[in-house]
Amino acid sequence: MNTSFEGKAFVYGDNVDTDVIIPARYLTTIDPAELAQHCMEDLDPSFVATCTTGDVMVGGSNFGSGSSREHAPIAIQASGIACIVAESFARIFFRNSVNVGLPIVECAGVTEAAESGDVFRVDIDSGEVTNVTKGRTFQGTPLPPFMRDILDAGGLMPWVARSLREEAGGHGRSDAPRVHAGVAPNEPPQADWRLD
């Protein structure tokens, strides 16, 4: 996975919730491309038409609050956003983003003097975020290694699949977290995942 991103920013304020990111009226689908067509439309009607692959989303505090739906980070990612940086994130949105493979960095002060259209550079390993247009650099919080490993795999489901393959065949990174699945014969496979 790429660890550094540079792109045009879409800058939003505080308390951008999941109902604004992807309105509930579009939750009849799980198709990422269809969700992307409606991403941010109630807050920023021009977003879909102006977002290009590799752009960056910058938010204020409590970004992604509201419901726990995965649709929100999926819609953002499918829109072409390479990375989200915010002053702070709602806990569930933060984890859902990592779980779908969308890079995310929490960075206090990042919205200071930031405007949509500014070019931002984000290094997810160091947590360094630079508003290239304004010449300002901020120190964000890098993701812990186990979350970086999930991002590197492309999200939680690919990470689980890879971990199970590695455990069965003994191949792969020796420092990768181990997954043990214990499921009763009549339960679906996702019934008892334990990450340890």
C-alpha atoms as a PDB file:
ATOM      1  CA  MET A   1       0.000   0.000   0.000  1.00  0.00           C
ATOM      2  CA  ASN A   2       1.076   3.531  -0.710  1.00  0.00           C
ATOM      3  CA  THR A   3       2.084   5.304   2.515  1.00  0.00           C
ATOM      4  CA  SER A   4       2.189   8.873   1.222  1.00  0.00           C
ATOM      5  CA  PHE A   5      -0.610  10.715  -0.523  1.00  0.00           C
ATOM      6  CA  GLU A   6      -0.761  14.107  -2.186  1.00  0.00           C
ATOM      7  CA  GLY A   7      -3.870  15.593  -3.667  1.00  0.00           C
ATOM      8  CA  LYS A   8      -6.419  18.352  -3.819  1.00  0.00           C
ATOM      9  CA  ALA A   9      -8.327  18.663  -0.557  1.00  0.00           C
ATOM     10  CA  PHE A  10     -12.010  18.796   0.135  1.00  0.00           C
ATOM     11  CA  VAL A  11     -12.218  20.586   3.489  1.00  0.00           C
ATOM     12  CA  TYR A  12     -15.217  20.254   5.802  1.00  0.00           C
ATOM     13  CA  GLY A  13     -15.996  21.473   9.298  1.00  0.00           C
ATOM     14  CA  ASP A  14     -16.872  19.806  12.584  1.00  0.00           C
ATOM     15  CA  ASN A  15     -19.439  17.053  13.157  1.00  0.00           C
ATOM     16  CA  VAL A  16     -19.769  15.803   9.588  1.00  0.00           C
ATOM     17  CA  ASP A  17     -21.906  12.744  10.227  1.00  0.00           C
ATOM     18  CA  THR A  18     -22.458   9.569   8.253  1.00  0.00           C
ATOM     19  CA  ASP A  19     -25.951  10.721   7.191  1.00  0.00           C
ATOM     20  CA  VAL A  20     -24.318  13.655   5.401  1.00  0.00           C
ATOM     21  CA  ILE A  21     -21.524  11.525   3.942  1.00  0.00           C
ATOM     22  CA  ILE A  22     -24.025   9.066   2.428  1.00  0.00           C
ATOM     23  CA  PRO A  23     -27.691   9.912   3.013  1.00  0.00           C
ATOM     24  CA  ALA A  24     -29.841   7.083   4.377  1.00  0.00           C
ATOM     25  CA  ARG A  25     -32.078   7.153   1.300  1.00  0.00           C
ATOM     26  CA  TYR A  26     -29.226   5.524  -0.661  1.00  0.00           C
ATOM     27  CA  LEU A  27     -28.588   2.658   1.747  1.00  0.00           C
ATOM     28  CA  THR A  28     -30.614   0.284  -0.397  1.00  0.00           C
ATOM     29  CA  THR A  29     -27.359  -0.673  -2.132  1.00  0.00           C
ATOM     30  CA  ILE A  30     -23.938  -1.873  -1.083  1.00  0.00           C
ATOM     31  CA  ASP A  31     -22.400  -1.228  -4.509  1.00  0.00           C
ATOM     32  CA  PRO A  32     -19.425   1.122  -3.934  1.00  0.00           C
ATOM     33  CA  ALA A  33     -19.777   2.828  -7.331  1.00  0.00           C
ATOM     34  CA  GLU A  34     -23.438   3.601  -6.717  1.00  0.00           C
ATOM     35  CA  LEU A  35     -22.729   4.882  -3.202  1.00  0.00           C
ATOM     36  CA  ALA A  36     -19.966   7.109  -4.598  1.00  0.00           C
ATOM     37  CA  GLN A  37     -22.479   8.800  -6.913  1.00  0.00           C
ATOM     38  CA  HIS A  38     -24.233  10.226  -3.843  1.00  0.00           C
ATOM     39  CA  CYS A  39     -21.294  10.839  -1.523  1.00  0.00           C
ATOM     40  CA  MET A  40     -21.489  14.207   0.280  1.00  0.00           C
ATOM     41  CA  GLU A  41     -24.360  15.377  -1.950  1.00  0.00           C
ATOM     42  CA  ASP A  42     -26.376  17.003   0.852  1.00  0.00           C
ATOM     43  CA  LEU A  43     -23.362  18.910   2.204  1.00  0.00           C
ATOM     44  CA  ASP A  44     -21.365  19.531  -0.967  1.00  0.00           C
ATOM     45  CA  PRO A  45     -23.386  19.015  -4.157  1.00  0.00           C
ATOM     46  CA  SER A  46     -20.287  19.593  -6.339  1.00  0.00           C
ATOM     47  CA  PHE A  47     -18.206  16.896  -4.617  1.00  0.00           C
ATOM     48  CA  VAL A  48     -19.000  14.013  -6.961  1.00  0.00           C
ATOM     49  CA  ALA A  49     -18.370  16.080 -10.097  1.00  0.00           C
ATOM     50  CA  THR A  50     -15.084  17.570  -8.865  1.00  0.00           C
ATOM     51  CA  CYS A  51     -13.492  14.739  -6.870  1.00  0.00           C
ATOM     52  CA  THR A  52     -10.735  12.910  -8.722  1.00  0.00           C
ATOM     53  CA  THR A  53      -8.770   9.818  -7.821  1.00  0.00           C
ATOM     54  CA  GLY A  54      -6.055  10.660  -5.314  1.00  0.00           C
ATOM     55  CA  ASP A  55      -7.784  13.625  -3.693  1.00  0.00           C
ATOM     56  CA  VAL A  56      -7.735  14.034   0.090  1.00  0.00           C
ATOM     57  CA  MET A  57     -10.620  14.749   2.467  1.00  0.00           C
ATOM     58  CA  VAL A  58      -9.915  17.032   5.437  1.00  0.00           C
ATOM     59  CA  GLY A  59     -12.392  17.374   8.295  1.00  0.00           C
ATOM     60  CA  GLY A  60     -12.814  19.074  11.625  1.00  0.00           C
ATOM     61  CA  SER A  61     -13.552  17.385  14.920  1.00  0.00           C
ATOM     62  CA  ASN A  62     -15.861  14.398  15.327  1.00  0.00           C
ATOM     63  CA  PHE A  63     -15.747  13.513  11.630  1.00  0.00           C
ATOM     64  CA  GLY A  64     -17.944  10.525  10.801  1.00  0.00           C
ATOM     65  CA  SER A  65     -20.236  10.731  13.823  1.00  0.00           C
ATOM     66  CA  GLY A  66     -23.711   9.245  13.691  1.00  0.00           C
ATOM     67  CA  SER A  67     -24.636   5.746  12.662  1.00  0.00           C
ATOM     68  CA  SER A  68     -22.153   2.920  12.464  1.00  0.00           C
ATOM     69  CA  ARG A  69     -22.687   2.138   8.784  1.00  0.00           C
ATOM     70  CA  GLU A  70     -19.676   1.067   6.717  1.00  0.00           C
ATOM     71  CA  HIS A  71     -21.338   2.692   3.712  1.00  0.00           C
ATOM     72  CA  ALA A  72     -19.824   6.081   4.620  1.00  0.00           C
ATOM     73  CA  PRO A  73     -16.121   5.210   4.266  1.00  0.00           C
ATOM     74  CA  ILE A  74     -16.946   2.932   1.324  1.00  0.00           C
ATOM     75  CA  ALA A  75     -18.655   5.838  -0.484  1.00  0.00           C
ATOM     76  CA  ILE A  76     -15.707   8.153   0.233  1.00  0.00           C
ATOM     77  CA  GLN A  77     -13.169   5.600  -0.949  1.00  0.00           C
ATOM     78  CA  ALA A  78     -15.151   4.737  -4.090  1.00  0.00           C
ATOM     79  CA  SER A  79     -15.346   8.462  -4.895  1.00  0.00           C
ATOM     80  CA  GLY A  80     -11.582   8.461  -5.369  1.00  0.00           C
ATOM     81  CA  ILE A  81     -10.489   9.924  -2.029  1.00  0.00           C
ATOM     82  CA  ALA A  82      -7.074   8.442  -1.199  1.00  0.00           C
ATOM     83  CA  CYS A  83      -6.943   9.442   2.470  1.00  0.00           C
ATOM     84  CA  ILE A  84      -8.968  11.236   5.136  1.00  0.00           C
ATOM     85  CA  VAL A  85      -7.369  13.563   7.670  1.00  0.00           C
ATOM     86  CA  ALA A  86      -9.409  15.122  10.468  1.00  0.00           C
ATOM     87  CA  GLU A  87      -8.976  16.922  13.771  1.00  0.00           C
ATOM     88  CA  SER A  88     -10.716  13.921  15.345  1.00  0.00           C
ATOM     89  CA  PHE A  89     -12.905  11.039  14.223  1.00  0.00           C
ATOM     90  CA  ALA A  90     -15.928   9.298  15.636  1.00  0.00           C
ATOM     91  CA  ARG A  91     -14.604   5.998  16.987  1.00  0.00           C
ATOM     92  CA  ILE A  92     -16.740   3.686  14.845  1.00  0.00           C
ATOM     93  CA  PHE A  93     -16.096   5.659  11.652  1.00  0.00           C
ATOM     94  CA  PHE A  94     -12.352   5.506  12.336  1.00  0.00           C
ATOM     95  CA  ARG A  95     -12.399   1.738  12.672  1.00  0.00           C
ATOM     96  CA  ASN A  96     -14.792   1.240   9.739  1.00  0.00           C
ATOM     97  CA  SER A  97     -12.396   3.233   7.554  1.00  0.00           C
ATOM     98  CA  VAL A  98      -9.470   1.007   8.469  1.00  0.00           C
ATOM     99  CA  ASN A  99     -11.664  -2.077   8.052  1.00  0.00           C
ATOM    100  CA  VAL A 100     -12.557  -1.142   4.449  1.00  0.00           C
ATOM    101  CA  GLY A 101      -8.932  -0.228   3.664  1.00  0.00           C
ATOM    102  CA  LEU A 102      -9.301   3.564   3.603  1.00  0.00           C
ATOM    103  CA  PRO A 103      -6.216   5.351   5.025  1.00  0.00           C
ATOM    104  CA  ILE A 104      -7.081   7.745   7.837  1.00  0.00           C
ATOM    105  CA  VAL A 105      -5.017  10.101  10.019  1.00  0.00           C
ATOM    106  CA  GLU A 106      -6.069  12.076  13.078  1.00  0.00           C
ATOM    107  CA  CYS A 107      -4.274  15.423  13.160  1.00  0.00           C
ATOM    108  CA  ALA A 108      -5.013  18.305  15.515  1.00  0.00           C
ATOM    109  CA  GLY A 109      -4.865  21.734  13.869  1.00  0.00           C
ATOM    110  CA  VAL A 110      -5.129  20.426  10.315  1.00  0.00           C
ATOM    111  CA  THR A 111      -8.103  22.634   9.405  1.00  0.00           C
ATOM    112  CA  GLU A 112      -6.375  25.882  10.445  1.00  0.00           C
ATOM    113  CA  ALA A 113      -6.542  28.166   7.401  1.00  0.00           C
ATOM    114  CA  ALA A 114      -7.280  25.150   5.170  1.00  0.00           C
ATOM    115  CA  GLU A 115      -9.548  25.658   2.192  1.00  0.00           C
ATOM    116  CA  SER A 116     -11.026  23.281  -0.335  1.00  0.00           C
ATOM    117  CA  GLY A 117      -8.672  23.116  -3.293  1.00  0.00           C
ATOM    118  CA  ASP A 118      -5.502  23.357  -1.192  1.00  0.00           C
ATOM    119  CA  VAL A 119      -3.003  20.611  -1.959  1.00  0.00           C
ATOM    120  CA  PHE A 120      -2.287  18.336   0.995  1.00  0.00           C
ATOM    121  CA  ARG A 121       0.456  15.766   1.468  1.00  0.00           C
ATOM    122  CA  VAL A 122      -0.153  13.021   4.042  1.00  0.00           C
ATOM    123  CA  ASP A 123       2.315  10.398   5.276  1.00  0.00           C
ATOM    124  CA  ILE A 124       0.340   7.733   7.130  1.00  0.00           C
ATOM    125  CA  ASP A 125       3.446   6.075   8.583  1.00  0.00           C
ATOM    126  CA  SER A 126       4.851   9.192  10.240  1.00  0.00           C
ATOM    127  CA  GLY A 127       1.519  10.978  10.693  1.00  0.00           C
ATOM    128  CA  GLU A 128       2.948  14.109   9.086  1.00  0.00           C
ATOM    129  CA  VAL A 129       0.360  16.204   7.244  1.00  0.00           C
ATOM    130  CA  THR A 130       1.364  19.174   5.092  1.00  0.00           C
ATOM    131  CA  ASN A 131      -0.895  21.782   3.560  1.00  0.00           C
ATOM    132  CA  VAL A 132       1.434  22.330   0.593  1.00  0.00           C
ATOM    133  CA  THR A 133      -0.564  25.325  -0.646  1.00  0.00           C
ATOM    134  CA  LYS A 134      -0.275  27.170   2.677  1.00  0.00           C
ATOM    135  CA  GLY A 135       3.191  25.868   3.575  1.00  0.00           C
ATOM    136  CA  ARG A 136       2.047  24.488   6.948  1.00  0.00           C
ATOM    137  CA  THR A 137       3.002  21.121   8.419  1.00  0.00           C
ATOM    138  CA  PHE A 138       1.216  19.339  11.257  1.00  0.00           C
ATOM    139  CA  GLN A 139       2.065  16.252  13.254  1.00  0.00           C
ATOM    140  CA  GLY A 140      -0.772  13.743  13.281  1.00  0.00           C
ATOM    141  CA  THR A 141      -1.023  10.385  14.973  1.00  0.00           C
ATOM    142  CA  PRO A 142       0.344   7.490  12.914  1.00  0.00           C
ATOM    143  CA  LEU A 143      -1.676   4.282  12.931  1.00  0.00           C
ATOM    144  CA  PRO A 144      -0.445   1.479  15.163  1.00  0.00           C
ATOM    145  CA  PRO A 145       1.288  -1.426  13.359  1.00  0.00           C
ATOM    146  CA  PHE A 146      -1.693  -3.802  13.573  1.00  0.00           C
ATOM    147  CA  MET A 147      -3.951  -1.248  11.845  1.00  0.00           C
ATOM    148  CA  ARG A 148      -1.296  -0.551   9.210  1.00  0.00           C
ATOM    149  CA  ASP A 149      -1.189  -4.298   8.597  1.00  0.00           C
ATOM    150  CA  ILE A 150      -4.965  -4.298   8.005  1.00  0.00           C
ATOM    151  CA  LEU A 151      -4.610  -1.364   5.571  1.00  0.00           C
ATOM    152  CA  ASP A 152      -1.727  -3.099   3.785  1.00  0.00           C
ATOM    153  CA  ALA A 153      -3.958  -6.132   3.239  1.00  0.00           C
ATOM    154  CA  GLY A 154      -6.704  -3.952   1.732  1.00  0.00           C
ATOM    155  CA  GLY A 155      -9.032  -4.012   4.738  1.00  0.00           C
ATOM    156  CA  LEU A 156     -10.177  -6.334   7.503  1.00  0.00           C
ATOM    157  CA  MET A 157     -11.703  -9.084   5.369  1.00  0.00           C
ATOM    158  CA  PRO A 158      -8.622  -9.476   3.130  1.00  0.00           C
ATOM    159  CA  TRP A 159      -6.461  -9.329   6.277  1.00  0.00           C
ATOM    160  CA  VAL A 160      -8.444 -12.144   7.911  1.00  0.00           C
ATOM    161  CA  ALA A 161      -8.282 -14.235   4.740  1.00  0.00           C
ATOM    162  CA  ARG A 162      -4.527 -13.645   4.435  1.00  0.00           C
ATOM    163  CA  SER A 163      -3.959 -14.434   8.109  1.00  0.00           C
ATOM    164  CA  LEU A 164      -5.895 -17.697   7.846  1.00  0.00           C
ATOM    165  CA  ARG A 165      -3.920 -18.690   4.741  1.00  0.00           C
ATOM    166  CA  GLU A 166      -0.663 -17.843   6.493  1.00  0.00           C
ATOM    167  CA  GLU A 167      -1.638 -19.844   9.554  1.00  0.00           C
ATOM    168  CA  ALA A 168      -2.602 -22.841   7.449  1.00  0.00           C
ATOM    169  CA  GLY A 169       0.468 -22.734   5.239  1.00  0.00           C
ATOM    170  CA  GLY A 170       3.010 -21.087   7.475  1.00  0.00           C
ATOM    171  CA  HIS A 171       3.738 -18.368   4.876  1.00  0.00           C
ATOM    172  CA  GLY A 172       3.826 -14.620   5.322  1.00  0.00           C
ATOM    173  CA  ARG A 173       5.081 -12.065   7.793  1.00  0.00           C
ATOM    174  CA  SER A 174       6.223 -13.409  11.135  1.00  0.00           C
ATOM    175  CA  ASP A 175       5.096 -10.238  12.959  1.00  0.00           C
ATOM    176  CA  ALA A 176       1.524 -10.298  11.556  1.00  0.00           C
ATOM    177  CA  PRO A 177      -1.220 -10.733  14.169  1.00  0.00           C
ATOM    178  CA  ARG A 178      -2.668 -14.230  14.324  1.00  0.00           C
ATOM    179  CA  VAL A 179      -6.295 -15.049  13.743  1.00  0.00           C
ATOM    180  CA  HIS A 180      -8.021 -18.045  15.294  1.00  0.00           C
ATOM    181  CA  ALA A 181     -11.540 -18.829  14.215  1.00  0.00           C
ATOM    182  CA  GLY A 182     -13.649 -21.110  16.387  1.00  0.00           C
ATOM    183  CA  VAL A 183     -17.110 -21.685  14.999  1.00  0.00           C
ATOM    184  CA  ALA A 184     -19.783 -24.199  15.885  1.00  0.00           C
ATOM    185  CA  PRO A 185     -20.731 -26.439  12.923  1.00  0.00           C
ATOM    186  CA  ASN A 186     -24.170 -24.826  12.498  1.00  0.00           C
ATOM    187  CA  GLU A 187     -22.981 -21.184  12.658  1.00  0.00           C
ATOM    188  CA  PRO A 188     -21.785 -18.956   9.814  1.00  0.00           C
ATOM    189  CA  PRO A 189     -18.001 -18.424   9.631  1.00  0.00           C
ATOM    190  CA  GLN A 190     -18.233 -14.815  10.878  1.00  0.00           C
ATOM    191  CA  ALA A 191     -19.946 -15.900  14.122  1.00  0.00           C
ATOM    192  CA  ASP A 192     -16.810 -16.165  16.256  1.00  0.00           C
ATOM    193  CA  TRP A 193     -13.797 -14.226  15.070  1.00  0.00           C
ATOM    194  CA  ARG A 194     -11.210 -13.633  17.709  1.00  0.00           C
ATOM    195  CA  LEU A 195      -8.311 -11.350  16.882  1.00  0.00           C
ATOM    196  CA  ASP A 196      -5.361 -11.959  19.142  1.00  0.00           C
END
